[in-house]
Amino acid sequence: VQLVESGGGLVQPGGSLRLSCVASGFTFSMYGMSWYRRPPGKERELVASISGAGGNTNYATAVKGRFTISRDNAKNTVYLQMNSLKPEDTAVYYCYNAAFPWGQGTLVTVSS
């Protein structure tokens, strides 16, 4: 089982990024997936979740209206579209399901 995140980088406030997480080693469509983040010096926090079929999504209050979680089960991939980024969105972002190990994450830095 492997979860590999990508798409992070340095972006200016107000900018956008799309994160991707490619899963392997399990039947991806059977599992809900989440994005978490760990800001510098803080605990990991839940950002967004999506059901296995993609019909149900949930968001943390801090990102609602700015971030969109989606998935493509044919590609075993879950996405996080992040718009109107703020400096406080700076963090390492991880995709996750409790049944599997954490991936390495991808760093997002929002700074001018």
Protein backbone atom coordinates (compact mmCIF):
# COMPACT_ATOMS: atom_id res chain seq x y z
CA VAL A 1 0.00 0.00 0.00
CA GLN A 2 1.31 3.40 -0.94
CA LEU A 3 -0.01 6.97 -0.97
CA VAL A 4 2.12 9.44 -2.91
CA GLU A 5 1.31 13.14 -2.70
CA SER A 6 2.51 15.76 -5.16
CA GLY A 7 1.75 19.25 -6.40
CA GLY A 8 3.00 21.36 -3.52
CA GLY A 9 5.21 24.40 -3.91
CA LEU A 10 5.63 28.09 -3.22
CA VAL A 11 2.69 30.31 -4.12
CA GLN A 12 1.78 33.92 -3.40
CA PRO A 13 -1.20 34.81 -1.23
CA GLY A 14 -4.36 34.64 -3.31
CA GLY A 15 -2.89 32.03 -5.62
CA SER A 16 -3.95 28.47 -6.39
CA LEU A 17 -2.46 25.00 -6.31
CA ARG A 18 -3.80 21.53 -7.05
CA LEU A 19 -2.48 18.65 -4.99
CA SER A 20 -2.66 15.05 -6.17
CA CYS A 21 -2.39 11.78 -4.28
CA VAL A 22 -1.90 8.55 -6.19
CA ALA A 23 -2.84 5.39 -4.32
CA SER A 24 -1.68 1.84 -4.97
CA GLY A 25 -1.98 -1.55 -3.36
CA PHE A 26 -5.67 -1.50 -2.48
CA THR A 27 -9.09 -1.14 -4.10
CA PHE A 28 -9.15 2.63 -4.10
CA SER A 29 -12.84 3.12 -4.87
CA MET A 30 -13.86 1.22 -1.74
CA TYR A 31 -12.27 3.74 0.62
CA GLY A 32 -13.10 7.24 1.63
CA MET A 33 -10.06 9.50 1.56
CA SER A 34 -9.04 12.64 3.40
CA TRP A 35 -6.53 15.41 3.12
CA TYR A 36 -4.75 16.47 6.31
CA ARG A 37 -2.15 19.15 6.87
CA ARG A 38 0.52 19.88 9.46
CA PRO A 39 1.34 23.58 9.76
CA PRO A 40 4.82 24.47 11.07
CA GLY A 41 5.02 23.78 14.79
CA LYS A 42 1.43 22.58 15.03
CA GLU A 43 -0.51 19.33 15.14
CA ARG A 44 -1.84 17.63 12.04
CA GLU A 45 -5.40 18.70 11.20
CA LEU A 46 -8.15 17.44 8.94
CA VAL A 47 -8.74 19.58 5.84
CA ALA A 48 -11.28 17.70 3.73
CA SER A 49 -12.79 14.25 3.19
CA ILE A 50 -14.50 12.47 0.32
CA SER A 51 -16.47 9.23 0.18
CA GLY A 52 -15.39 6.25 -1.90
CA ALA A 53 -17.72 7.05 -4.78
CA GLY A 54 -17.07 10.76 -4.46
CA GLY A 55 -20.64 11.78 -3.76
CA ASN A 56 -20.07 13.09 -0.24
CA THR A 57 -17.51 15.66 0.82
CA ASN A 58 -16.74 17.53 4.02
CA TYR A 59 -14.45 20.47 4.74
CA ALA A 60 -12.83 22.14 7.71
CA THR A 61 -14.31 25.53 8.43
CA ALA A 62 -11.00 27.24 7.67
CA VAL A 63 -10.97 26.04 4.04
CA LYS A 64 -14.67 25.84 3.17
CA GLY A 65 -15.41 27.76 0.00
CA ARG A 66 -11.73 27.90 -1.01
CA PHE A 67 -10.68 24.25 -1.28
CA THR A 68 -12.31 21.44 -3.26
CA ILE A 69 -11.63 17.73 -2.79
CA SER A 70 -12.33 15.36 -5.66
CA ARG A 71 -11.27 11.95 -6.88
CA ASP A 72 -10.83 9.94 -10.06
CA ASN A 73 -11.25 6.28 -9.20
CA ALA A 74 -10.13 5.21 -12.67
CA LYS A 75 -6.76 6.84 -11.92
CA ASN A 76 -6.62 5.88 -8.22
CA THR A 77 -6.12 9.55 -7.46
CA VAL A 78 -7.58 12.04 -5.01
CA TYR A 79 -7.13 15.77 -5.57
CA LEU A 80 -7.24 18.93 -3.50
CA GLN A 81 -7.84 22.13 -5.46
CA MET A 82 -6.77 25.07 -3.31
CA ASN A 83 -7.80 28.58 -4.27
CA SER A 84 -7.45 31.96 -2.57
CA LEU A 85 -4.51 30.64 -0.59
CA LYS A 86 -3.49 32.38 2.61
CA PRO A 87 -0.21 32.34 4.54
CA GLU A 88 -1.93 30.29 7.24
CA ASP A 89 -2.46 27.51 4.68
CA THR A 90 1.29 26.88 4.76
CA ALA A 91 1.76 23.25 5.80
CA VAL A 92 2.77 19.79 4.73
CA TYR A 93 -0.31 18.21 3.15
CA TYR A 94 -1.06 14.49 3.34
CA CYS A 95 -3.74 12.27 1.90
CA TYR A 96 -4.92 9.62 4.30
CA ASN A 97 -7.15 6.76 5.22
CA ALA A 98 -6.82 5.25 8.70
CA ALA A 99 -6.40 1.77 7.22
CA PHE A 100 -3.08 2.71 5.58
CA PRO A 101 0.25 4.31 6.51
CA TRP A 102 0.84 8.01 6.09
CA GLY A 103 2.61 9.11 2.92
CA GLN A 104 5.52 11.55 2.80
CA GLY A 105 3.30 14.57 2.20
CA THR A 106 3.83 17.57 -0.04
CA LEU A 107 4.87 21.01 1.22
CA VAL A 108 2.75 24.04 0.44
CA THR A 109 4.23 27.44 1.24
CA VAL A 110 2.09 30.55 0.84
CA SER A 111 4.24 33.64 0.99
CA SER A 112 4.98 36.83 -0.89
